[in-house]
Amino acid sequence: MEDTYHLVDERYDILSHPKRRSQIHVLTIDPVLAADVCERIGADRRLKRYALICPRAADVRSALEGIDRTAQETVSSRLIIFDVRRVTLPRLRRSFNAIVGYNRRDFNKLCYTICIGDGPVNLFQEGRAVDLFVPYLASHRVDFHPAVFFYDPFLHYEPSEVRAQALDDEFVIPDALPRRLVPYFRSEAMTVGTIRPFFRAVDKDDETRRQRLRMLRHVYKKRLAEQFPGQEDYFHDLLTRRGIQLASEKMNLYPLYFEDWIHELMRQARRNALPKS
């Protein structure tokens, strides 16, 4: 059974921070994901006026230290985006613990959270892919209270694809395409680092960006059809803005409608901060 953890730390006072700004914190030690999130937000006209706090570090150690050092600054943001994939979460756990503690009282009122992650470690084993997501998503809801959980297929590696690393090893974030996605692309030499800029297309015109997003959506749809034959109707909502309902949990696909959700959550946080008449 996959180990789970919950973020509980009595050292942090659960206070409200009503003087939050139109600011977004992006918390990841992966420069490829950080660039994708930040450039998508920066390229959206609706989000231009929001300040974006994103890690800029030369290596993983510096990024970890930066997140830890600035944890308390998250109380000034209306949106916090957490990278919760399995491979990096153990190294971010302490910082995330502090950040959740500082902000917990305001979650889903003055401050919203978005989680971007992979899935359960045994997701593609034993044919139990769908039901395995329910406890996995529930554990993240307890820890991070996300308004939206985005499952990112490009972050999800099977156990045999990830080299075991001790906490004191030189940490390497996987960049190869997950094996199950390789057949959908022309070259096995392509990496996550080359795929992400192609699909976000921030240096292209609006029509090209929409076309690239349709291409990505088609890849996801084809993959779902092959993984779950005959269940296309069941998974239709996963390709929409509202996402899919799995028992008591919901899930969306990154980066489909990612900017739309940021726009809505930032507006909602601002409305919630206005004085009640």
C-alpha atoms as a PDB file:
ATOM      1  CA  MET A   1       0.000   0.000   0.000  1.00  0.00           C
ATOM      2  CA  GLU A   2       1.262   3.473  -0.854  1.00  0.00           C
ATOM      3  CA  ASP A   3       2.297   5.544   2.134  1.00  0.00           C
ATOM      4  CA  THR A   4       0.405   8.769   2.755  1.00  0.00           C
ATOM      5  CA  TYR A   5       1.081  11.634   5.098  1.00  0.00           C
ATOM      6  CA  HIS A   6      -0.858  14.573   6.448  1.00  0.00           C
ATOM      7  CA  LEU A   7       0.504  18.010   7.177  1.00  0.00           C
ATOM      8  CA  VAL A   8       0.045  18.753  10.855  1.00  0.00           C
ATOM      9  CA  ASP A   9       2.350  21.016  12.825  1.00  0.00           C
ATOM     10  CA  GLU A  10       1.358  22.755  16.029  1.00  0.00           C
ATOM     11  CA  ARG A  11       4.200  25.285  15.777  1.00  0.00           C
ATOM     12  CA  TYR A  12       2.265  27.447  13.346  1.00  0.00           C
ATOM     13  CA  ASP A  13      -0.530  29.687  14.555  1.00  0.00           C
ATOM     14  CA  ILE A  14      -3.653  29.405  12.435  1.00  0.00           C
ATOM     15  CA  LEU A  15      -4.283  33.082  11.749  1.00  0.00           C
ATOM     16  CA  SER A  16      -6.296  34.903   9.129  1.00  0.00           C
ATOM     17  CA  HIS A  17      -4.527  37.281   6.764  1.00  0.00           C
ATOM     18  CA  PRO A  18      -7.162  39.576   5.263  1.00  0.00           C
ATOM     19  CA  LYS A  19      -4.735  41.995   3.574  1.00  0.00           C
ATOM     20  CA  ARG A  20      -3.840  39.686   0.713  1.00  0.00           C
ATOM     21  CA  ARG A  21      -2.859  41.102  -2.659  1.00  0.00           C
ATOM     22  CA  SER A  22      -3.558  40.166  -6.255  1.00  0.00           C
ATOM     23  CA  GLN A  23      -0.614  37.819  -6.118  1.00  0.00           C
ATOM     24  CA  ILE A  24       0.048  34.186  -7.036  1.00  0.00           C
ATOM     25  CA  HIS A  25       2.703  31.950  -5.477  1.00  0.00           C
ATOM     26  CA  VAL A  26       4.023  29.044  -7.581  1.00  0.00           C
ATOM     27  CA  LEU A  27       5.740  26.449  -5.392  1.00  0.00           C
ATOM     28  CA  THR A  28       7.852  23.920  -7.279  1.00  0.00           C
ATOM     29  CA  ILE A  29      11.518  22.967  -7.531  1.00  0.00           C
ATOM     30  CA  ASP A  30      11.101  21.848 -11.145  1.00  0.00           C
ATOM     31  CA  PRO A  31      12.269  24.641 -13.497  1.00  0.00           C
ATOM     32  CA  VAL A  32      10.409  23.077 -16.450  1.00  0.00           C
ATOM     33  CA  LEU A  33       7.057  23.040 -14.664  1.00  0.00           C
ATOM     34  CA  ALA A  34       7.736  26.459 -13.129  1.00  0.00           C
ATOM     35  CA  ALA A  35       8.346  27.933 -16.594  1.00  0.00           C
ATOM     36  CA  ASP A  36       5.191  26.308 -17.960  1.00  0.00           C
ATOM     37  CA  VAL A  37       2.961  27.573 -15.169  1.00  0.00           C
ATOM     38  CA  CYS A  38       4.444  31.067 -15.082  1.00  0.00           C
ATOM     39  CA  GLU A  39       4.518  31.578 -18.854  1.00  0.00           C
ATOM     40  CA  ARG A  40       0.945  30.352 -19.232  1.00  0.00           C
ATOM     41  CA  ILE A  41      -0.191  32.830 -16.599  1.00  0.00           C
ATOM     42  CA  GLY A  42       1.931  35.623 -18.054  1.00  0.00           C
ATOM     43  CA  ALA A  43       0.580  35.091 -21.573  1.00  0.00           C
ATOM     44  CA  ASP A  44      -3.087  35.288 -20.558  1.00  0.00           C
ATOM     45  CA  ARG A  45      -4.476  38.816 -20.947  1.00  0.00           C
ATOM     46  CA  ARG A  46      -6.955  38.294 -18.111  1.00  0.00           C
ATOM     47  CA  LEU A  47      -4.113  37.595 -15.678  1.00  0.00           C
ATOM     48  CA  LYS A  48      -1.721  40.414 -16.605  1.00  0.00           C
ATOM     49  CA  ARG A  49      -2.381  42.501 -13.509  1.00  0.00           C
ATOM     50  CA  TYR A  50      -1.532  39.722 -11.067  1.00  0.00           C
ATOM     51  CA  ALA A  51       1.902  39.610  -9.476  1.00  0.00           C
ATOM     52  CA  LEU A  52       3.562  36.235  -9.931  1.00  0.00           C
ATOM     53  CA  ILE A  53       5.984  34.857  -7.333  1.00  0.00           C
ATOM     54  CA  CYS A  54       7.856  31.964  -8.892  1.00  0.00           C
ATOM     55  CA  PRO A  55      11.125  30.250  -7.871  1.00  0.00           C
ATOM     56  CA  ARG A  56      14.178  31.266  -9.853  1.00  0.00           C
ATOM     57  CA  ALA A  57      17.104  29.113  -8.837  1.00  0.00           C
ATOM     58  CA  ALA A  58      20.098  27.516 -10.528  1.00  0.00           C
ATOM     59  CA  ASP A  59      19.618  24.137  -8.857  1.00  0.00           C
ATOM     60  CA  VAL A  60      17.212  22.085  -6.756  1.00  0.00           C
ATOM     61  CA  ARG A  61      18.962  22.843  -3.462  1.00  0.00           C
ATOM     62  CA  SER A  62      18.727  26.600  -4.041  1.00  0.00           C
ATOM     63  CA  ALA A  63      15.060  26.291  -5.027  1.00  0.00           C
ATOM     64  CA  LEU A  64      14.296  24.325  -1.857  1.00  0.00           C
ATOM     65  CA  GLU A  65      16.073  26.894   0.284  1.00  0.00           C
ATOM     66  CA  GLY A  66      14.213  29.708  -1.454  1.00  0.00           C
ATOM     67  CA  ILE A  67      10.801  28.155  -0.856  1.00  0.00           C
ATOM     68  CA  ASP A  68      11.656  27.445   2.771  1.00  0.00           C
ATOM     69  CA  ARG A  69      13.028  30.944   3.333  1.00  0.00           C
ATOM     70  CA  THR A  70      10.005  32.707   1.862  1.00  0.00           C
ATOM     71  CA  ALA A  71       7.282  30.420   3.230  1.00  0.00           C
ATOM     72  CA  GLN A  72       5.702  33.116   5.385  1.00  0.00           C
ATOM     73  CA  GLU A  73       5.433  35.481   2.423  1.00  0.00           C
ATOM     74  CA  THR A  74       2.652  33.288   1.017  1.00  0.00           C
ATOM     75  CA  VAL A  75       0.233  34.950   3.453  1.00  0.00           C
ATOM     76  CA  SER A  76       0.120  37.905   1.066  1.00  0.00           C
ATOM     77  CA  SER A  77      -1.123  35.830  -1.897  1.00  0.00           C
ATOM     78  CA  ARG A  78      -4.650  35.008  -3.008  1.00  0.00           C
ATOM     79  CA  LEU A  79      -3.603  31.854  -4.844  1.00  0.00           C
ATOM     80  CA  ILE A  80      -0.954  29.234  -4.042  1.00  0.00           C
ATOM     81  CA  ILE A  81      -0.010  26.585  -6.603  1.00  0.00           C
ATOM     82  CA  PHE A  82       1.601  23.456  -5.143  1.00  0.00           C
ATOM     83  CA  ASP A  83       3.621  20.891  -7.098  1.00  0.00           C
ATOM     84  CA  VAL A  84       2.631  17.676  -5.275  1.00  0.00           C
ATOM     85  CA  ARG A  85       4.115  14.941  -7.479  1.00  0.00           C
ATOM     86  CA  ARG A  86       5.456  11.932  -5.622  1.00  0.00           C
ATOM     87  CA  VAL A  87       9.107  12.329  -6.648  1.00  0.00           C
ATOM     88  CA  THR A  88       9.561  15.858  -5.245  1.00  0.00           C
ATOM     89  CA  LEU A  89       7.047  15.961  -2.400  1.00  0.00           C
ATOM     90  CA  PRO A  90       9.307  14.345   0.237  1.00  0.00           C
ATOM     91  CA  ARG A  91      11.817  17.174  -0.224  1.00  0.00           C
ATOM     92  CA  LEU A  92       9.141  19.857  -0.110  1.00  0.00           C
ATOM     93  CA  ARG A  93       7.164  18.408   2.784  1.00  0.00           C
ATOM     94  CA  ARG A  94       8.654  20.589   5.530  1.00  0.00           C
ATOM     95  CA  SER A  95       8.210  23.827   3.561  1.00  0.00           C
ATOM     96  CA  PHE A  96       4.696  22.886   2.478  1.00  0.00           C
ATOM     97  CA  ASN A  97       3.860  22.032   6.080  1.00  0.00           C
ATOM     98  CA  ALA A  98       4.788  25.554   7.158  1.00  0.00           C
ATOM     99  CA  ILE A  99       2.962  27.193   4.242  1.00  0.00           C
ATOM    100  CA  VAL A 100      -0.245  25.260   4.880  1.00  0.00           C
ATOM    101  CA  GLY A 101      -0.023  26.182   8.559  1.00  0.00           C
ATOM    102  CA  TYR A 102       0.353  29.872   7.825  1.00  0.00           C
ATOM    103  CA  ASN A 103      -2.574  29.935   5.388  1.00  0.00           C
ATOM    104  CA  ARG A 104      -4.970  27.190   6.473  1.00  0.00           C
ATOM    105  CA  ARG A 105      -7.582  29.450   8.060  1.00  0.00           C
ATOM    106  CA  ASP A 106      -8.020  31.406   4.810  1.00  0.00           C
ATOM    107  CA  PHE A 107      -8.196  28.447   2.423  1.00  0.00           C
ATOM    108  CA  ASN A 108     -11.197  28.530   0.083  1.00  0.00           C
ATOM    109  CA  LYS A 109     -12.115  32.004   1.325  1.00  0.00           C
ATOM    110  CA  LEU A 110      -9.382  34.644   1.089  1.00  0.00           C
ATOM    111  CA  CYS A 111      -6.830  32.262  -0.410  1.00  0.00           C
ATOM    112  CA  TYR A 112      -7.252  29.364  -2.835  1.00  0.00           C
ATOM    113  CA  THR A 113      -4.908  26.526  -3.658  1.00  0.00           C
ATOM    114  CA  ILE A 114      -4.281  24.526  -6.823  1.00  0.00           C
ATOM    115  CA  CYS A 115      -2.409  21.227  -6.790  1.00  0.00           C
ATOM    116  CA  ILE A 116      -0.554  19.921  -9.841  1.00  0.00           C
ATOM    117  CA  GLY A 117       0.577  16.352  -9.520  1.00  0.00           C
ATOM    118  CA  ASP A 118       0.785  12.818 -10.751  1.00  0.00           C
ATOM    119  CA  GLY A 119      -1.294   9.867  -9.582  1.00  0.00           C
ATOM    120  CA  PRO A 120      -1.004   6.867  -7.270  1.00  0.00           C
ATOM    121  CA  VAL A 121       2.171   4.825  -7.638  1.00  0.00           C
ATOM    122  CA  ASN A 122       0.259   1.738  -8.883  1.00  0.00           C
ATOM    123  CA  LEU A 123      -2.132   3.651 -11.129  1.00  0.00           C
ATOM    124  CA  PHE A 124      -1.473   1.579 -14.246  1.00  0.00           C
ATOM    125  CA  GLN A 125      -1.207  -1.792 -12.520  1.00  0.00           C
ATOM    126  CA  GLU A 126      -3.878  -4.420 -11.969  1.00  0.00           C
ATOM    127  CA  GLY A 127      -6.477  -2.521 -14.005  1.00  0.00           C
ATOM    128  CA  ARG A 128      -7.670  -0.434 -11.034  1.00  0.00           C
ATOM    129  CA  ALA A 129      -6.745   3.007 -12.348  1.00  0.00           C
ATOM    130  CA  VAL A 130      -9.938   4.898 -11.580  1.00  0.00           C
ATOM    131  CA  ASP A 131     -10.732   3.763  -8.033  1.00  0.00           C
ATOM    132  CA  LEU A 132      -7.122   4.281  -6.939  1.00  0.00           C
ATOM    133  CA  PHE A 133      -7.480   8.010  -7.508  1.00  0.00           C
ATOM    134  CA  VAL A 134     -10.139   8.443  -4.813  1.00  0.00           C
ATOM    135  CA  PRO A 135      -7.987   7.921  -1.673  1.00  0.00           C
ATOM    136  CA  TYR A 136      -5.067   9.612  -3.416  1.00  0.00           C
ATOM    137  CA  LEU A 137      -7.059  12.774  -4.099  1.00  0.00           C
ATOM    138  CA  ALA A 138      -8.650  12.629  -0.651  1.00  0.00           C
ATOM    139  CA  SER A 139      -5.229  12.676   1.024  1.00  0.00           C
ATOM    140  CA  HIS A 140      -4.243  15.786  -0.934  1.00  0.00           C
ATOM    141  CA  ARG A 141      -7.541  17.456  -0.059  1.00  0.00           C
ATOM    142  CA  VAL A 142      -6.816  16.898   3.634  1.00  0.00           C
ATOM    143  CA  ASP A 143      -3.284  18.261   3.266  1.00  0.00           C
ATOM    144  CA  PHE A 144      -3.701  21.149   0.826  1.00  0.00           C
ATOM    145  CA  HIS A 145      -7.444  21.909   0.559  1.00  0.00           C
ATOM    146  CA  PRO A 146      -7.154  22.408  -3.214  1.00  0.00           C
ATOM    147  CA  ALA A 147      -9.937  24.174  -5.063  1.00  0.00           C
ATOM    148  CA  VAL A 148      -8.710  22.197  -8.090  1.00  0.00           C
ATOM    149  CA  PHE A 149      -6.423  19.191  -8.448  1.00  0.00           C
ATOM    150  CA  PHE A 150      -4.743  18.972 -11.861  1.00  0.00           C
ATOM    151  CA  TYR A 151      -3.465  15.564 -12.873  1.00  0.00           C
ATOM    152  CA  ASP A 152      -0.529  16.011 -15.255  1.00  0.00           C
ATOM    153  CA  PRO A 153       0.201  12.903 -17.379  1.00  0.00           C
ATOM    154  CA  PHE A 154       3.685  14.282 -18.136  1.00  0.00           C
ATOM    155  CA  LEU A 155       4.566  14.087 -14.437  1.00  0.00           C
ATOM    156  CA  HIS A 156       3.396  10.516 -13.936  1.00  0.00           C
ATOM    157  CA  TYR A 157       6.116   7.866 -14.053  1.00  0.00           C
ATOM    158  CA  GLU A 158       5.747   4.226 -13.210  1.00  0.00           C
ATOM    159  CA  PRO A 159       8.048   2.920 -10.442  1.00  0.00           C
ATOM    160  CA  SER A 160      10.449   1.263 -12.896  1.00  0.00           C
ATOM    161  CA  GLU A 161      11.001   4.618 -14.651  1.00  0.00           C
ATOM    162  CA  VAL A 162      12.247   6.498 -11.604  1.00  0.00           C
ATOM    163  CA  ARG A 163      15.658   5.906 -10.079  1.00  0.00           C
ATOM    164  CA  ALA A 164      15.531   5.453  -6.313  1.00  0.00           C
ATOM    165  CA  GLN A 165      17.227   8.371  -4.559  1.00  0.00           C
ATOM    166  CA  ALA A 166      18.118   8.921  -0.933  1.00  0.00           C
ATOM    167  CA  LEU A 167      17.488  12.347   0.568  1.00  0.00           C
ATOM    168  CA  ASP A 168      21.222  13.104   0.605  1.00  0.00           C
ATOM    169  CA  ASP A 169      21.751  12.101  -3.058  1.00  0.00           C
ATOM    170  CA  GLU A 170      22.160  14.670  -5.794  1.00  0.00           C
ATOM    171  CA  PHE A 171      18.521  15.063  -6.727  1.00  0.00           C
ATOM    172  CA  VAL A 172      17.450  14.636 -10.347  1.00  0.00           C
ATOM    173  CA  ILE A 173      13.949  15.432 -11.583  1.00  0.00           C
ATOM    174  CA  PRO A 174      12.923  13.064 -14.415  1.00  0.00           C
ATOM    175  CA  ASP A 175      12.650  14.768 -17.797  1.00  0.00           C
ATOM    176  CA  ALA A 176      12.196  11.850 -20.197  1.00  0.00           C
ATOM    177  CA  LEU A 177       8.711  11.344 -21.590  1.00  0.00           C
ATOM    178  CA  PRO A 178       6.818   8.730 -19.555  1.00  0.00           C
ATOM    179  CA  ARG A 179       6.988   5.507 -21.577  1.00  0.00           C
ATOM    180  CA  ARG A 180       3.242   5.205 -22.092  1.00  0.00           C
ATOM    181  CA  LEU A 181       3.209   8.628 -23.839  1.00  0.00           C
ATOM    182  CA  VAL A 182       6.170   8.048 -26.175  1.00  0.00           C
ATOM    183  CA  PRO A 183       4.061   6.418 -28.970  1.00  0.00           C
ATOM    184  CA  TYR A 184       2.032   9.634 -29.357  1.00  0.00           C
ATOM    185  CA  PHE A 185       5.061  11.660 -30.404  1.00  0.00           C
ATOM    186  CA  ARG A 186       7.368  11.471 -33.397  1.00  0.00           C
ATOM    187  CA  SER A 187      10.652  10.964 -31.614  1.00  0.00           C
ATOM    188  CA  GLU A 188      11.639   9.035 -28.515  1.00  0.00           C
ATOM    189  CA  ALA A 189      14.328  11.662 -27.967  1.00  0.00           C
ATOM    190  CA  MET A 190      11.713  14.280 -27.081  1.00  0.00           C
ATOM    191  CA  THR A 191      11.628  15.290 -23.411  1.00  0.00           C
ATOM    192  CA  VAL A 192       9.120  16.923 -21.119  1.00  0.00           C
ATOM    193  CA  GLY A 193      11.298  20.026 -21.374  1.00  0.00           C
ATOM    194  CA  THR A 194      10.782  20.213 -25.142  1.00  0.00           C
ATOM    195  CA  ILE A 195       7.128  19.167 -25.128  1.00  0.00           C
ATOM    196  CA  ARG A 196       5.878  21.836 -22.720  1.00  0.00           C
ATOM    197  CA  PRO A 197       7.036  24.924 -24.704  1.00  0.00           C
ATOM    198  CA  PHE A 198       5.539  23.452 -27.881  1.00  0.00           C
ATOM    199  CA  PHE A 199       2.091  23.044 -26.363  1.00  0.00           C
ATOM    200  CA  ARG A 200       1.970  26.341 -24.475  1.00  0.00           C
ATOM    201  CA  ALA A 201       3.120  28.254 -27.601  1.00  0.00           C
ATOM    202  CA  VAL A 202       3.282  31.595 -25.795  1.00  0.00           C
ATOM    203  CA  ASP A 203       5.328  33.120 -28.622  1.00  0.00           C
ATOM    204  CA  LYS A 204       2.646  32.230 -31.187  1.00  0.00           C
ATOM    205  CA  ASP A 205      -0.634  33.882 -32.167  1.00  0.00           C
ATOM    206  CA  ASP A 206      -3.930  33.033 -30.480  1.00  0.00           C
ATOM    207  CA  GLU A 207      -5.061  30.622 -33.186  1.00  0.00           C
ATOM    208  CA  THR A 208      -1.804  28.644 -33.014  1.00  0.00           C
ATOM    209  CA  ARG A 209      -2.082  28.393 -29.232  1.00  0.00           C
ATOM    210  CA  ARG A 210      -5.651  27.119 -29.531  1.00  0.00           C
ATOM    211  CA  GLN A 211      -4.566  24.611 -32.176  1.00  0.00           C
ATOM    212  CA  ARG A 212      -1.716  23.304 -29.996  1.00  0.00           C
ATOM    213  CA  LEU A 213      -4.113  22.921 -27.069  1.00  0.00           C
ATOM    214  CA  ARG A 214      -6.508  20.954 -29.283  1.00  0.00           C
ATOM    215  CA  MET A 215      -3.601  18.714 -30.271  1.00  0.00           C
ATOM    216  CA  LEU A 216      -2.782  18.050 -26.628  1.00  0.00           C
ATOM    217  CA  ARG A 217      -6.426  17.396 -25.844  1.00  0.00           C
ATOM    218  CA  HIS A 218      -6.498  14.868 -28.694  1.00  0.00           C
ATOM    219  CA  VAL A 219      -3.451  13.073 -27.243  1.00  0.00           C
ATOM    220  CA  TYR A 220      -5.162  12.858 -23.863  1.00  0.00           C
ATOM    221  CA  LYS A 221      -8.435  11.671 -25.405  1.00  0.00           C
ATOM    222  CA  LYS A 222      -6.675   8.986 -27.440  1.00  0.00           C
ATOM    223  CA  ARG A 223      -4.718   7.806 -24.410  1.00  0.00           C
ATOM    224  CA  LEU A 224      -7.899   7.562 -22.314  1.00  0.00           C
ATOM    225  CA  ALA A 225      -9.690   5.618 -25.057  1.00  0.00           C
ATOM    226  CA  GLU A 226      -6.836   3.111 -25.218  1.00  0.00           C
ATOM    227  CA  GLN A 227      -6.515   2.810 -21.450  1.00  0.00           C
ATOM    228  CA  PHE A 228     -10.273   2.533 -20.840  1.00  0.00           C
ATOM    229  CA  PRO A 229     -11.923   1.124 -23.988  1.00  0.00           C
ATOM    230  CA  GLY A 230     -15.677   1.609 -24.153  1.00  0.00           C
ATOM    231  CA  GLN A 231     -15.701   4.227 -21.361  1.00  0.00           C
ATOM    232  CA  GLU A 232     -15.298   7.358 -23.485  1.00  0.00           C
ATOM    233  CA  ASP A 233     -18.553   8.885 -22.183  1.00  0.00           C
ATOM    234  CA  TYR A 234     -17.467   8.342 -18.579  1.00  0.00           C
ATOM    235  CA  PHE A 235     -14.216  10.253 -19.111  1.00  0.00           C
ATOM    236  CA  HIS A 236     -15.682  13.033 -21.256  1.00  0.00           C
ATOM    237  CA  ASP A 237     -15.838  15.459 -18.326  1.00  0.00           C
ATOM    238  CA  LEU A 238     -12.125  14.975 -17.628  1.00  0.00           C
ATOM    239  CA  LEU A 239     -11.462  16.883 -20.858  1.00  0.00           C
ATOM    240  CA  THR A 240     -13.756  19.768 -19.875  1.00  0.00           C
ATOM    241  CA  ARG A 241     -13.372  22.684 -17.504  1.00  0.00           C
ATOM    242  CA  ARG A 242     -15.475  21.080 -14.776  1.00  0.00           C
ATOM    243  CA  GLY A 243     -13.310  17.948 -14.599  1.00  0.00           C
ATOM    244  CA  ILE A 244     -14.346  14.475 -13.548  1.00  0.00           C
ATOM    245  CA  GLN A 245     -16.137  13.477 -10.356  1.00  0.00           C
ATOM    246  CA  LEU A 246     -14.651  10.412  -8.626  1.00  0.00           C
ATOM    247  CA  ALA A 247     -16.822   9.533  -5.616  1.00  0.00           C
ATOM    248  CA  SER A 248     -16.354  12.573  -3.326  1.00  0.00           C
ATOM    249  CA  GLU A 249     -13.314  13.874  -5.224  1.00  0.00           C
ATOM    250  CA  LYS A 250     -12.823  15.898  -8.411  1.00  0.00           C
ATOM    251  CA  MET A 251      -9.935  16.016 -10.839  1.00  0.00           C
ATOM    252  CA  ASN A 252      -8.904  18.049 -13.889  1.00  0.00           C
ATOM    253  CA  LEU A 253      -6.225  17.509 -16.560  1.00  0.00           C
ATOM    254  CA  TYR A 254      -3.269  19.881 -16.708  1.00  0.00           C
ATOM    255  CA  PRO A 255      -3.057  22.248 -18.547  1.00  0.00           C
ATOM    256  CA  LEU A 256      -6.609  22.099 -19.943  1.00  0.00           C
ATOM    257  CA  TYR A 257      -8.528  25.182 -18.710  1.00  0.00           C
ATOM    258  CA  PHE A 258      -5.716  25.928 -16.258  1.00  0.00           C
ATOM    259  CA  GLU A 259      -5.751  29.679 -16.943  1.00  0.00           C
ATOM    260  CA  ASP A 260      -9.561  29.739 -16.722  1.00  0.00           C
ATOM    261  CA  TRP A 261      -9.438  28.282 -13.235  1.00  0.00           C
ATOM    262  CA  ILE A 262      -6.781  30.777 -12.118  1.00  0.00           C
ATOM    263  CA  HIS A 263      -8.884  33.645 -13.450  1.00  0.00           C
ATOM    264  CA  GLU A 264     -11.983  32.426 -11.613  1.00  0.00           C
ATOM    265  CA  LEU A 265     -10.251  31.675  -8.306  1.00  0.00           C
ATOM    266  CA  MET A 266      -8.474  35.033  -8.205  1.00  0.00           C
ATOM    267  CA  ARG A 267     -11.751  36.832  -8.863  1.00  0.00           C
ATOM    268  CA  GLN A 268     -13.496  34.781  -6.174  1.00  0.00           C
ATOM    269  CA  ALA A 269     -10.770  35.484  -3.597  1.00  0.00           C
ATOM    270  CA  ARG A 270     -11.051  39.188  -4.312  1.00  0.00           C
ATOM    271  CA  ARG A 271     -14.853  39.100  -3.954  1.00  0.00           C
ATOM    272  CA  ASN A 272     -14.540  37.242  -0.653  1.00  0.00           C
ATOM    273  CA  ALA A 273     -12.184  39.935   0.657  1.00  0.00           C
ATOM    274  CA  LEU A 274     -14.615  42.783   0.011  1.00  0.00           C
ATOM    275  CA  PRO A 275     -16.400  44.206   3.076  1.00  0.00           C
ATOM    276  CA  LYS A 276     -19.822  42.712   3.601  1.00  0.00           C
ATOM    277  CA  SER A 277     -22.625  45.233   3.314  1.00  0.00           C
END
